[in-house]
Amino acid sequence: AVAITIPYWLGRFSGKHIADEIFEKYP
């Protein structure tokens, strides 16, 4: 739970632009 929580909160605080970058790098 801790191992999957840390990157979740990093993504949450990074904002929507990180999702766009993920879509670019990982179709």
mmCIF file of all heavy atoms, coordinates in Angstrom:
data_MODEL
# 
_entry.id   MODEL 
# 
loop_
_atom_site.group_PDB 
_atom_site.id 
_atom_site.type_symbol 
_atom_site.label_atom_id 
_atom_site.label_alt_id 
_atom_site.label_comp_id 
_atom_site.label_asym_id 
_atom_site.label_entity_id 
_atom_site.label_seq_id 
_atom_site.pdbx_PDB_ins_code 
_atom_site.Cartn_x 
_atom_site.Cartn_y 
_atom_site.Cartn_z 
_atom_site.occupancy 
_atom_site.B_iso_or_equiv 
_atom_site.pdbx_formal_charge 
_atom_site.auth_seq_id 
_atom_site.auth_comp_id 
_atom_site.auth_asym_id 
_atom_site.auth_atom_id 
_atom_site.pdbx_PDB_model_num 
ATOM 1   N N   . ALA A 1 1  ? 0.836  -1.212 0.000   1.00 0.00 ? 1  ALA A N   1 
ATOM 2   C CA  . ALA A 1 1  ? 0.000  0.000  0.000   1.00 0.00 ? 1  ALA A CA  1 
ATOM 3   C C   . ALA A 1 1  ? 0.868  1.258  0.000   1.00 0.00 ? 1  ALA A C   1 
ATOM 4   O O   . ALA A 1 1  ? 0.588  2.214  -0.727  1.00 0.00 ? 1  ALA A O   1 
ATOM 5   C CB  . ALA A 1 1  ? -0.936 -0.010 1.204   1.00 0.00 ? 1  ALA A CB  1 
ATOM 6   N N   . VAL A 1 2  ? 1.925  1.241  0.779   1.00 0.00 ? 2  VAL A N   1 
ATOM 7   C CA  . VAL A 1 2  ? 2.837  2.396  0.803   1.00 0.00 ? 2  VAL A CA  1 
ATOM 8   C C   . VAL A 1 2  ? 3.538  2.542  -0.546  1.00 0.00 ? 2  VAL A C   1 
ATOM 9   O O   . VAL A 1 2  ? 3.665  3.650  -1.072  1.00 0.00 ? 2  VAL A O   1 
ATOM 10  C CB  . VAL A 1 2  ? 3.870  2.253  1.945   1.00 0.00 ? 2  VAL A CB  1 
ATOM 11  C CG1 . VAL A 1 2  ? 4.969  3.286  1.829   1.00 0.00 ? 2  VAL A CG1 1 
ATOM 12  C CG2 . VAL A 1 2  ? 3.179  2.358  3.300   1.00 0.00 ? 2  VAL A CG2 1 
ATOM 13  N N   . ALA A 1 3  ? 3.949  1.417  -1.127  1.00 0.00 ? 3  ALA A N   1 
ATOM 14  C CA  . ALA A 1 3  ? 4.684  1.455  -2.398  1.00 0.00 ? 3  ALA A CA  1 
ATOM 15  C C   . ALA A 1 3  ? 3.839  1.999  -3.542  1.00 0.00 ? 3  ALA A C   1 
ATOM 16  O O   . ALA A 1 3  ? 4.382  2.643  -4.447  1.00 0.00 ? 3  ALA A O   1 
ATOM 17  C CB  . ALA A 1 3  ? 5.195  0.063  -2.756  1.00 0.00 ? 3  ALA A CB  1 
ATOM 18  N N   . ILE A 1 4  ? 2.533  1.768  -3.528  1.00 0.00 ? 4  ILE A N   1 
ATOM 19  C CA  . ILE A 1 4  ? 1.705  2.307  -4.608  1.00 0.00 ? 4  ILE A CA  1 
ATOM 20  C C   . ILE A 1 4  ? 1.126  3.677  -4.258  1.00 0.00 ? 4  ILE A C   1 
ATOM 21  O O   . ILE A 1 4  ? 0.626  4.381  -5.133  1.00 0.00 ? 4  ILE A O   1 
ATOM 22  C CB  . ILE A 1 4  ? 0.587  1.329  -5.044  1.00 0.00 ? 4  ILE A CB  1 
ATOM 23  C CG1 . ILE A 1 4  ? -0.459 1.128  -3.970  1.00 0.00 ? 4  ILE A CG1 1 
ATOM 24  C CG2 . ILE A 1 4  ? 1.179  0.020  -5.506  1.00 0.00 ? 4  ILE A CG2 1 
ATOM 25  C CD1 . ILE A 1 4  ? -1.669 0.318  -4.425  1.00 0.00 ? 4  ILE A CD1 1 
ATOM 26  N N   . THR A 1 5  ? 1.204  4.053  -2.988  1.00 0.00 ? 5  THR A N   1 
ATOM 27  C CA  . THR A 1 5  ? 0.677  5.348  -2.547  1.00 0.00 ? 5  THR A CA  1 
ATOM 28  C C   . THR A 1 5  ? 1.620  6.497  -2.881  1.00 0.00 ? 5  THR A C   1 
ATOM 29  O O   . THR A 1 5  ? 1.172  7.565  -3.318  1.00 0.00 ? 5  THR A O   1 
ATOM 30  C CB  . THR A 1 5  ? 0.389  5.322  -1.040  1.00 0.00 ? 5  THR A CB  1 
ATOM 31  O OG1 . THR A 1 5  ? -0.690 4.406  -0.805  1.00 0.00 ? 5  THR A OG1 1 
ATOM 32  C CG2 . THR A 1 5  ? 0.010  6.684  -0.514  1.00 0.00 ? 5  THR A CG2 1 
ATOM 33  N N   . ILE A 1 6  ? 2.902  6.299  -2.701  1.00 0.00 ? 6  ILE A N   1 
ATOM 34  C CA  . ILE A 1 6  ? 3.865  7.395  -2.905  1.00 0.00 ? 6  ILE A CA  1 
ATOM 35  C C   . ILE A 1 6  ? 3.804  7.947  -4.329  1.00 0.00 ? 6  ILE A C   1 
ATOM 36  O O   . ILE A 1 6  ? 3.632  9.154  -4.520  1.00 0.00 ? 6  ILE A O   1 
ATOM 37  C CB  . ILE A 1 6  ? 5.288  6.962  -2.495  1.00 0.00 ? 6  ILE A CB  1 
ATOM 38  C CG1 . ILE A 1 6  ? 5.323  6.735  -0.982  1.00 0.00 ? 6  ILE A CG1 1 
ATOM 39  C CG2 . ILE A 1 6  ? 6.325  7.996  -2.926  1.00 0.00 ? 6  ILE A CG2 1 
ATOM 40  C CD1 . ILE A 1 6  ? 6.590  6.082  -0.472  1.00 0.00 ? 6  ILE A CD1 1 
ATOM 41  N N   . PRO A 1 7  ? 3.892  7.112  -5.376  1.00 0.00 ? 7  PRO A N   1 
ATOM 42  C CA  . PRO A 1 7  ? 3.791  7.686  -6.727  1.00 0.00 ? 7  PRO A CA  1 
ATOM 43  C C   . PRO A 1 7  ? 2.398  8.247  -7.032  1.00 0.00 ? 7  PRO A C   1 
ATOM 44  O O   . PRO A 1 7  ? 2.266  9.189  -7.818  1.00 0.00 ? 7  PRO A O   1 
ATOM 45  C CB  . PRO A 1 7  ? 4.147  6.538  -7.668  1.00 0.00 ? 7  PRO A CB  1 
ATOM 46  C CG  . PRO A 1 7  ? 4.249  5.327  -6.850  1.00 0.00 ? 7  PRO A CG  1 
ATOM 47  C CD  . PRO A 1 7  ? 4.283  5.703  -5.421  1.00 0.00 ? 7  PRO A CD  1 
ATOM 48  N N   . TYR A 1 8  ? 1.354  7.689  -6.399  1.00 0.00 ? 8  TYR A N   1 
ATOM 49  C CA  . TYR A 1 8  ? 0.010  8.242  -6.583  1.00 0.00 ? 8  TYR A CA  1 
ATOM 50  C C   . TYR A 1 8  ? -0.020 9.701  -6.137  1.00 0.00 ? 8  TYR A C   1 
ATOM 51  O O   . TYR A 1 8  ? -0.496 10.567 -6.866  1.00 0.00 ? 8  TYR A O   1 
ATOM 52  C CB  . TYR A 1 8  ? -1.019 7.426  -5.787  1.00 0.00 ? 8  TYR A CB  1 
ATOM 53  C CG  . TYR A 1 8  ? -2.378 8.080  -5.715  1.00 0.00 ? 8  TYR A CG  1 
ATOM 54  C CD1 . TYR A 1 8  ? -3.307 7.861  -6.714  1.00 0.00 ? 8  TYR A CD1 1 
ATOM 55  C CD2 . TYR A 1 8  ? -2.723 8.921  -4.663  1.00 0.00 ? 8  TYR A CD2 1 
ATOM 56  C CE1 . TYR A 1 8  ? -4.560 8.474  -6.671  1.00 0.00 ? 8  TYR A CE1 1 
ATOM 57  C CE2 . TYR A 1 8  ? -3.963 9.528  -4.603  1.00 0.00 ? 8  TYR A CE2 1 
ATOM 58  C CZ  . TYR A 1 8  ? -4.873 9.299  -5.598  1.00 0.00 ? 8  TYR A CZ  1 
ATOM 59  O OH  . TYR A 1 8  ? -6.103 9.908  -5.547  1.00 0.00 ? 8  TYR A OH  1 
ATOM 60  N N   . TRP A 1 9  ? 0.497  9.974  -4.952  1.00 0.00 ? 9  TRP A N   1 
ATOM 61  C CA  . TRP A 1 9  ? 0.469  11.351 -4.443  1.00 0.00 ? 9  TRP A CA  1 
ATOM 62  C C   . TRP A 1 9  ? 1.409  12.267 -5.215  1.00 0.00 ? 9  TRP A C   1 
ATOM 63  O O   . TRP A 1 9  ? 1.124  13.455 -5.374  1.00 0.00 ? 9  TRP A O   1 
ATOM 64  C CB  . TRP A 1 9  ? 0.748  11.393 -2.945  1.00 0.00 ? 9  TRP A CB  1 
ATOM 65  C CG  . TRP A 1 9  ? -0.452 10.896 -2.180  1.00 0.00 ? 9  TRP A CG  1 
ATOM 66  C CD1 . TRP A 1 9  ? -0.566 9.709  -1.513  1.00 0.00 ? 9  TRP A CD1 1 
ATOM 67  C CD2 . TRP A 1 9  ? -1.716 11.542 -2.051  1.00 0.00 ? 9  TRP A CD2 1 
ATOM 68  N NE1 . TRP A 1 9  ? -1.821 9.587  -0.977  1.00 0.00 ? 9  TRP A NE1 1 
ATOM 69  C CE2 . TRP A 1 9  ? -2.549 10.697 -1.291  1.00 0.00 ? 9  TRP A CE2 1 
ATOM 70  C CE3 . TRP A 1 9  ? -2.236 12.744 -2.513  1.00 0.00 ? 9  TRP A CE3 1 
ATOM 71  C CZ2 . TRP A 1 9  ? -3.865 11.026 -0.983  1.00 0.00 ? 9  TRP A CZ2 1 
ATOM 72  C CZ3 . TRP A 1 9  ? -3.553 13.071 -2.200  1.00 0.00 ? 9  TRP A CZ3 1 
ATOM 73  C CH2 . TRP A 1 9  ? -4.352 12.221 -1.437  1.00 0.00 ? 9  TRP A CH2 1 
ATOM 74  N N   . LEU A 1 10 ? 2.510  11.725 -5.706  1.00 0.00 ? 10 LEU A N   1 
ATOM 75  C CA  . LEU A 1 10 ? 3.379  12.533 -6.570  1.00 0.00 ? 10 LEU A CA  1 
ATOM 76  C C   . LEU A 1 10 ? 2.624  12.959 -7.822  1.00 0.00 ? 10 LEU A C   1 
ATOM 77  O O   . LEU A 1 10 ? 2.705  14.117 -8.251  1.00 0.00 ? 10 LEU A O   1 
ATOM 78  C CB  . LEU A 1 10 ? 4.642  11.756 -6.943  1.00 0.00 ? 10 LEU A CB  1 
ATOM 79  C CG  . LEU A 1 10 ? 5.662  11.535 -5.832  1.00 0.00 ? 10 LEU A CG  1 
ATOM 80  C CD1 . LEU A 1 10 ? 6.760  10.602 -6.312  1.00 0.00 ? 10 LEU A CD1 1 
ATOM 81  C CD2 . LEU A 1 10 ? 6.229  12.852 -5.361  1.00 0.00 ? 10 LEU A CD2 1 
ATOM 82  N N   . GLY A 1 11 ? 1.890  12.043 -8.420  1.00 0.00 ? 11 GLY A N   1 
ATOM 83  C CA  . GLY A 1 11 ? 1.093  12.371 -9.592  1.00 0.00 ? 11 GLY A CA  1 
ATOM 84  C C   . GLY A 1 11 ? -0.029 13.334 -9.259  1.00 0.00 ? 11 GLY A C   1 
ATOM 85  O O   . GLY A 1 11 ? -0.329 14.246 -10.023 1.00 0.00 ? 11 GLY A O   1 
ATOM 86  N N   . ARG A 1 12 ? -0.623 13.154 -8.100  1.00 0.00 ? 12 ARG A N   1 
ATOM 87  C CA  . ARG A 1 12 ? -1.737 14.024 -7.688  1.00 0.00 ? 12 ARG A CA  1 
ATOM 88  C C   . ARG A 1 12 ? -1.279 15.472 -7.545  1.00 0.00 ? 12 ARG A C   1 
ATOM 89  O O   . ARG A 1 12 ? -1.963 16.395 -7.958  1.00 0.00 ? 12 ARG A O   1 
ATOM 90  C CB  . ARG A 1 12 ? -2.300 13.499 -6.363  1.00 0.00 ? 12 ARG A CB  1 
ATOM 91  C CG  . ARG A 1 12 ? -3.470 14.233 -5.839  1.00 0.00 ? 12 ARG A CG  1 
ATOM 92  C CD  . ARG A 1 12 ? -4.706 13.466 -6.134  1.00 0.00 ? 12 ARG A CD  1 
ATOM 93  N NE  . ARG A 1 12 ? -5.856 14.159 -5.590  1.00 0.00 ? 12 ARG A NE  1 
ATOM 94  C CZ  . ARG A 1 12 ? -7.010 13.611 -5.458  1.00 0.00 ? 12 ARG A CZ  1 
ATOM 95  N NH1 . ARG A 1 12 ? -7.184 12.365 -5.816  1.00 0.00 ? 12 ARG A NH1 1 
ATOM 96  N NH2 . ARG A 1 12 ? -8.017 14.279 -4.998  1.00 0.00 ? 12 ARG A NH2 1 
ATOM 97  N N   . PHE A 1 13 ? -0.095 15.657 -6.954  1.00 0.00 ? 13 PHE A N   1 
ATOM 98  C CA  . PHE A 1 13 ? 0.415  17.007 -6.748  1.00 0.00 ? 13 PHE A CA  1 
ATOM 99  C C   . PHE A 1 13 ? 1.070  17.576 -8.009  1.00 0.00 ? 13 PHE A C   1 
ATOM 100 O O   . PHE A 1 13 ? 1.188  18.784 -8.140  1.00 0.00 ? 13 PHE A O   1 
ATOM 101 C CB  . PHE A 1 13 ? 1.385  17.059 -5.567  1.00 0.00 ? 13 PHE A CB  1 
ATOM 102 C CG  . PHE A 1 13 ? 0.703  16.866 -4.246  1.00 0.00 ? 13 PHE A CG  1 
ATOM 103 C CD1 . PHE A 1 13 ? 1.073  15.831 -3.419  1.00 0.00 ? 13 PHE A CD1 1 
ATOM 104 C CD2 . PHE A 1 13 ? -0.318 17.696 -3.839  1.00 0.00 ? 13 PHE A CD2 1 
ATOM 105 C CE1 . PHE A 1 13 ? 0.450  15.634 -2.193  1.00 0.00 ? 13 PHE A CE1 1 
ATOM 106 C CE2 . PHE A 1 13 ? -0.965 17.521 -2.625  1.00 0.00 ? 13 PHE A CE2 1 
ATOM 107 C CZ  . PHE A 1 13 ? -0.579 16.481 -1.799  1.00 0.00 ? 13 PHE A CZ  1 
ATOM 108 N N   . SER A 1 14 ? 1.485  16.700 -8.915  1.00 0.00 ? 14 SER A N   1 
ATOM 109 C CA  . SER A 1 14 ? 2.109  17.180 -10.154 1.00 0.00 ? 14 SER A CA  1 
ATOM 110 C C   . SER A 1 14 ? 1.087  17.761 -11.110 1.00 0.00 ? 14 SER A C   1 
ATOM 111 O O   . SER A 1 14 ? 1.405  18.625 -11.919 1.00 0.00 ? 14 SER A O   1 
ATOM 112 C CB  . SER A 1 14 ? 2.858  16.041 -10.848 1.00 0.00 ? 14 SER A CB  1 
ATOM 113 O OG  . SER A 1 14 ? 3.919  15.607 -10.046 1.00 0.00 ? 14 SER A OG  1 
ATOM 114 N N   . GLY A 1 15 ? -0.120 17.260 -11.061 1.00 0.00 ? 15 GLY A N   1 
ATOM 115 C CA  . GLY A 1 15 ? -1.185 17.821 -11.888 1.00 0.00 ? 15 GLY A CA  1 
ATOM 116 C C   . GLY A 1 15 ? -1.416 17.058 -13.173 1.00 0.00 ? 15 GLY A C   1 
ATOM 117 O O   . GLY A 1 15 ? -0.791 16.042 -13.461 1.00 0.00 ? 15 GLY A O   1 
ATOM 118 N N   . LYS A 1 16 ? -2.333 17.583 -13.943 1.00 0.00 ? 16 LYS A N   1 
ATOM 119 C CA  . LYS A 1 16 ? -2.798 16.937 -15.176 1.00 0.00 ? 16 LYS A CA  1 
ATOM 120 C C   . LYS A 1 16 ? -1.716 16.841 -16.242 1.00 0.00 ? 16 LYS A C   1 
ATOM 121 O O   . LYS A 1 16 ? -1.728 15.924 -17.059 1.00 0.00 ? 16 LYS A O   1 
ATOM 122 C CB  . LYS A 1 16 ? -4.010 17.727 -15.705 1.00 0.00 ? 16 LYS A CB  1 
ATOM 123 C CG  . LYS A 1 16 ? -4.670 17.116 -16.888 1.00 0.00 ? 16 LYS A CG  1 
ATOM 124 C CD  . LYS A 1 16 ? -5.404 15.856 -16.527 1.00 0.00 ? 16 LYS A CD  1 
ATOM 125 C CE  . LYS A 1 16 ? -6.189 15.365 -17.733 1.00 0.00 ? 16 LYS A CE  1 
ATOM 126 N NZ  . LYS A 1 16 ? -6.388 13.951 -17.738 1.00 0.00 ? 16 LYS A NZ  1 
ATOM 127 N N   . HIS A 1 17 ? -0.740 17.744 -16.224 1.00 0.00 ? 17 HIS A N   1 
ATOM 128 C CA  . HIS A 1 17 ? 0.288  17.701 -17.272 1.00 0.00 ? 17 HIS A CA  1 
ATOM 129 C C   . HIS A 1 17 ? 1.103  16.410 -17.207 1.00 0.00 ? 17 HIS A C   1 
ATOM 130 O O   . HIS A 1 17 ? 1.611  15.949 -18.215 1.00 0.00 ? 17 HIS A O   1 
ATOM 131 C CB  . HIS A 1 17 ? 1.200  18.928 -17.195 1.00 0.00 ? 17 HIS A CB  1 
ATOM 132 C CG  . HIS A 1 17 ? 2.183  18.898 -16.078 1.00 0.00 ? 17 HIS A CG  1 
ATOM 133 N ND1 . HIS A 1 17 ? 1.860  19.254 -14.783 1.00 0.00 ? 17 HIS A ND1 1 
ATOM 134 C CD2 . HIS A 1 17 ? 3.481  18.516 -16.062 1.00 0.00 ? 17 HIS A CD2 1 
ATOM 135 C CE1 . HIS A 1 17 ? 2.926  19.109 -14.021 1.00 0.00 ? 17 HIS A CE1 1 
ATOM 136 N NE2 . HIS A 1 17 ? 3.919  18.663 -14.763 1.00 0.00 ? 17 HIS A NE2 1 
ATOM 137 N N   . ILE A 1 18 ? 1.222  15.810 -16.026 1.00 0.00 ? 18 ILE A N   1 
ATOM 138 C CA  . ILE A 1 18 ? 1.970  14.551 -15.918 1.00 0.00 ? 18 ILE A CA  1 
ATOM 139 C C   . ILE A 1 18 ? 1.215  13.439 -16.658 1.00 0.00 ? 18 ILE A C   1 
ATOM 140 O O   . ILE A 1 18 ? 1.834  12.572 -17.282 1.00 0.00 ? 18 ILE A O   1 
ATOM 141 C CB  . ILE A 1 18 ? 2.265  14.175 -14.451 1.00 0.00 ? 18 ILE A CB  1 
ATOM 142 C CG1 . ILE A 1 18 ? 3.366  13.107 -14.372 1.00 0.00 ? 18 ILE A CG1 1 
ATOM 143 C CG2 . ILE A 1 18 ? 1.061  13.651 -13.738 1.00 0.00 ? 18 ILE A CG2 1 
ATOM 144 C CD1 . ILE A 1 18 ? 4.729  13.620 -14.522 1.00 0.00 ? 18 ILE A CD1 1 
ATOM 145 N N   . ALA A 1 19 ? -0.114 13.468 -16.623 1.00 0.00 ? 19 ALA A N   1 
ATOM 146 C CA  . ALA A 1 19 ? -0.902 12.479 -17.373 1.00 0.00 ? 19 ALA A CA  1 
ATOM 147 C C   . ALA A 1 19 ? -0.676 12.643 -18.873 1.00 0.00 ? 19 ALA A C   1 
ATOM 148 O O   . ALA A 1 19 ? -0.547 11.647 -19.600 1.00 0.00 ? 19 ALA A O   1 
ATOM 149 C CB  . ALA A 1 19 ? -2.382 12.615 -17.034 1.00 0.00 ? 19 ALA A CB  1 
ATOM 150 N N   . ASP A 1 20 ? -0.601 13.877 -19.333 1.00 0.00 ? 20 ASP A N   1 
ATOM 151 C CA  . ASP A 1 20 ? -0.338 14.118 -20.753 1.00 0.00 ? 20 ASP A CA  1 
ATOM 152 C C   . ASP A 1 20 ? 1.039  13.578 -21.156 1.00 0.00 ? 20 ASP A C   1 
ATOM 153 O O   . ASP A 1 20 ? 1.192  13.002 -22.231 1.00 0.00 ? 20 ASP A O   1 
ATOM 154 C CB  . ASP A 1 20 ? -0.430 15.606 -21.067 1.00 0.00 ? 20 ASP A CB  1 
ATOM 155 C CG  . ASP A 1 20 ? -1.832 16.155 -20.856 1.00 0.00 ? 20 ASP A CG  1 
ATOM 156 O OD1 . ASP A 1 20 ? -2.796 15.360 -20.956 1.00 0.00 ? 20 ASP A OD1 1 
ATOM 157 O OD2 . ASP A 1 20 ? -1.961 17.364 -20.587 1.00 0.00 ? 20 ASP A OD2 1 
ATOM 158 N N   . GLU A 1 21 ? 2.022  13.755 -20.293 1.00 0.00 ? 21 GLU A N   1 
ATOM 159 C CA  . GLU A 1 21 ? 3.364  13.223 -20.571 1.00 0.00 ? 21 GLU A CA  1 
ATOM 160 C C   . GLU A 1 21 ? 3.358  11.702 -20.602 1.00 0.00 ? 21 GLU A C   1 
ATOM 161 O O   . GLU A 1 21 ? 4.052  11.080 -21.411 1.00 0.00 ? 21 GLU A O   1 
ATOM 162 C CB  . GLU A 1 21 ? 4.353  13.731 -19.527 1.00 0.00 ? 21 GLU A CB  1 
ATOM 163 C CG  . GLU A 1 21 ? 4.650  15.212 -19.640 1.00 0.00 ? 21 GLU A CG  1 
ATOM 164 C CD  . GLU A 1 21 ? 5.589  15.705 -18.548 1.00 0.00 ? 21 GLU A CD  1 
ATOM 165 O OE1 . GLU A 1 21 ? 6.288  14.872 -17.926 1.00 0.00 ? 21 GLU A OE1 1 
ATOM 166 O OE2 . GLU A 1 21 ? 5.617  16.926 -18.319 1.00 0.00 ? 21 GLU A OE2 1 
ATOM 167 N N   . ILE A 1 22 ? 2.572  11.091 -19.715 1.00 0.00 ? 22 ILE A N   1 
ATOM 168 C CA  . ILE A 1 22 ? 2.464  9.628  -19.698 1.00 0.00 ? 22 ILE A CA  1 
ATOM 169 C C   . ILE A 1 22 ? 1.847  9.142  -21.007 1.00 0.00 ? 22 ILE A C   1 
ATOM 170 O O   . ILE A 1 22 ? 2.312  8.159  -21.596 1.00 0.00 ? 22 ILE A O   1 
ATOM 171 C CB  . ILE A 1 22 ? 1.656  9.159  -18.472 1.00 0.00 ? 22 ILE A CB  1 
ATOM 172 C CG1 . ILE A 1 22 ? 2.474  9.400  -17.193 1.00 0.00 ? 22 ILE A CG1 1 
ATOM 173 C CG2 . ILE A 1 22 ? 1.270  7.691  -18.598 1.00 0.00 ? 22 ILE A CG2 1 
ATOM 174 C CD1 . ILE A 1 22 ? 1.702  9.194  -15.910 1.00 0.00 ? 22 ILE A CD1 1 
ATOM 175 N N   . PHE A 1 23 ? 0.812  9.835  -21.491 1.00 0.00 ? 23 PHE A N   1 
ATOM 176 C CA  . PHE A 1 23 ? 0.182  9.448  -22.756 1.00 0.00 ? 23 PHE A CA  1 
ATOM 177 C C   . PHE A 1 23 ? 1.159  9.549  -23.918 1.00 0.00 ? 23 PHE A C   1 
ATOM 178 O O   . PHE A 1 23 ? 1.132  8.735  -24.828 1.00 0.00 ? 23 PHE A O   1 
ATOM 179 C CB  . PHE A 1 23 ? -1.043 10.307 -23.050 1.00 0.00 ? 23 PHE A CB  1 
ATOM 180 C CG  . PHE A 1 23 ? -2.245 9.950  -22.229 1.00 0.00 ? 23 PHE A CG  1 
ATOM 181 C CD1 . PHE A 1 23 ? -3.059 10.946 -21.723 1.00 0.00 ? 23 PHE A CD1 1 
ATOM 182 C CD2 . PHE A 1 23 ? -2.580 8.631  -21.974 1.00 0.00 ? 23 PHE A CD2 1 
ATOM 183 C CE1 . PHE A 1 23 ? -4.176 10.629 -20.969 1.00 0.00 ? 23 PHE A CE1 1 
ATOM 184 C CE2 . PHE A 1 23 ? -3.691 8.301  -21.224 1.00 0.00 ? 23 PHE A CE2 1 
ATOM 185 C CZ  . PHE A 1 23 ? -4.490 9.301  -20.724 1.00 0.00 ? 23 PHE A CZ  1 
ATOM 186 N N   . GLU A 1 24 ? 2.026  10.555 -23.894 1.00 0.00 ? 24 GLU A N   1 
ATOM 187 C CA  . GLU A 1 24 ? 3.014  10.713 -24.962 1.00 0.00 ? 24 GLU A CA  1 
ATOM 188 C C   . GLU A 1 24 ? 4.038  9.586  -24.937 1.00 0.00 ? 24 GLU A C   1 
ATOM 189 O O   . GLU A 1 24 ? 4.380  9.018  -25.973 1.00 0.00 ? 24 GLU A O   1 
ATOM 190 C CB  . GLU A 1 24 ? 3.730  12.049 -24.825 1.00 0.00 ? 24 GLU A CB  1 
ATOM 191 C CG  . GLU A 1 24 ? 2.941  13.231 -25.321 1.00 0.00 ? 24 GLU A CG  1 
ATOM 192 C CD  . GLU A 1 24 ? 3.743  14.524 -25.203 1.00 0.00 ? 24 GLU A CD  1 
ATOM 193 O OE1 . GLU A 1 24 ? 4.986  14.476 -25.293 1.00 0.00 ? 24 GLU A OE1 1 
ATOM 194 O OE2 . GLU A 1 24 ? 3.114  15.581 -25.014 1.00 0.00 ? 24 GLU A OE2 1 
ATOM 195 N N   . LYS A 1 25 ? 4.540  9.284  -23.753 1.00 0.00 ? 25 LYS A N   1 
ATOM 196 C CA  . LYS A 1 25 ? 5.601  8.286  -23.633 1.00 0.00 ? 25 LYS A CA  1 
ATOM 197 C C   . LYS A 1 25 ? 5.077  6.851  -23.718 1.00 0.00 ? 25 LYS A C   1 
ATOM 198 O O   . LYS A 1 25 ? 5.754  5.964  -24.221 1.00 0.00 ? 25 LYS A O   1 
ATOM 199 C CB  . LYS A 1 25 ? 6.355  8.487  -22.311 1.00 0.00 ? 25 LYS A CB  1 
ATOM 200 C CG  . LYS A 1 25 ? 7.585  7.624  -22.207 1.00 0.00 ? 25 LYS A CG  1 
ATOM 201 C CD  . LYS A 1 25 ? 8.462  8.022  -21.058 1.00 0.00 ? 25 LYS A CD  1 
ATOM 202 C CE  . LYS A 1 25 ? 9.713  7.170  -21.042 1.00 0.00 ? 25 LYS A CE  1 
ATOM 203 N NZ  . LYS A 1 25 ? 10.607 7.509  -19.980 1.00 0.00 ? 25 LYS A NZ  1 
ATOM 204 N N   . TYR A 1 26 ? 3.864  6.622  -23.196 1.00 0.00 ? 26 TYR A N   1 
ATOM 205 C CA  . TYR A 1 26 ? 3.280  5.277  -23.172 1.00 0.00 ? 26 TYR A CA  1 
ATOM 206 C C   . TYR A 1 26 ? 1.913  5.315  -23.875 1.00 0.00 ? 26 TYR A C   1 
ATOM 207 O O   . TYR A 1 26 ? 0.894  5.548  -23.232 1.00 0.00 ? 26 TYR A O   1 
ATOM 208 C CB  . TYR A 1 26 ? 3.102  4.786  -21.731 1.00 0.00 ? 26 TYR A CB  1 
ATOM 209 C CG  . TYR A 1 26 ? 4.387  4.674  -20.964 1.00 0.00 ? 26 TYR A CG  1 
ATOM 210 C CD1 . TYR A 1 26 ? 4.831  5.716  -20.150 1.00 0.00 ? 26 TYR A CD1 1 
ATOM 211 C CD2 . TYR A 1 26 ? 5.160  3.527  -21.041 1.00 0.00 ? 26 TYR A CD2 1 
ATOM 212 C CE1 . TYR A 1 26 ? 6.008  5.613  -19.435 1.00 0.00 ? 26 TYR A CE1 1 
ATOM 213 C CE2 . TYR A 1 26 ? 6.335  3.413  -20.329 1.00 0.00 ? 26 TYR A CE2 1 
ATOM 214 C CZ  . TYR A 1 26 ? 6.757  4.460  -19.528 1.00 0.00 ? 26 TYR A CZ  1 
ATOM 215 O OH  . TYR A 1 26 ? 7.919  4.347  -18.828 1.00 0.00 ? 26 TYR A OH  1 
ATOM 216 N N   . PRO A 1 27 ? 1.883  5.077  -25.175 1.00 0.00 ? 27 PRO A N   1 
ATOM 217 C CA  . PRO A 1 27 ? 0.608  5.130  -25.911 1.00 0.00 ? 27 PRO A CA  1 
ATOM 218 C C   . PRO A 1 27 ? -0.448 4.162  -25.360 1.00 0.00 ? 27 PRO A C   1 
ATOM 219 O O   . PRO A 1 27 ? -1.638 4.425  -25.467 1.00 0.00 ? 27 PRO A O   1 
ATOM 220 C CB  . PRO A 1 27 ? 0.997  4.751  -27.340 1.00 0.00 ? 27 PRO A CB  1 
ATOM 221 C CG  . PRO A 1 27 ? 2.459  5.027  -27.436 1.00 0.00 ? 27 PRO A CG  1 
ATOM 222 C CD  . PRO A 1 27 ? 3.007  4.822  -26.050 1.00 0.00 ? 27 PRO A CD  1 
# 
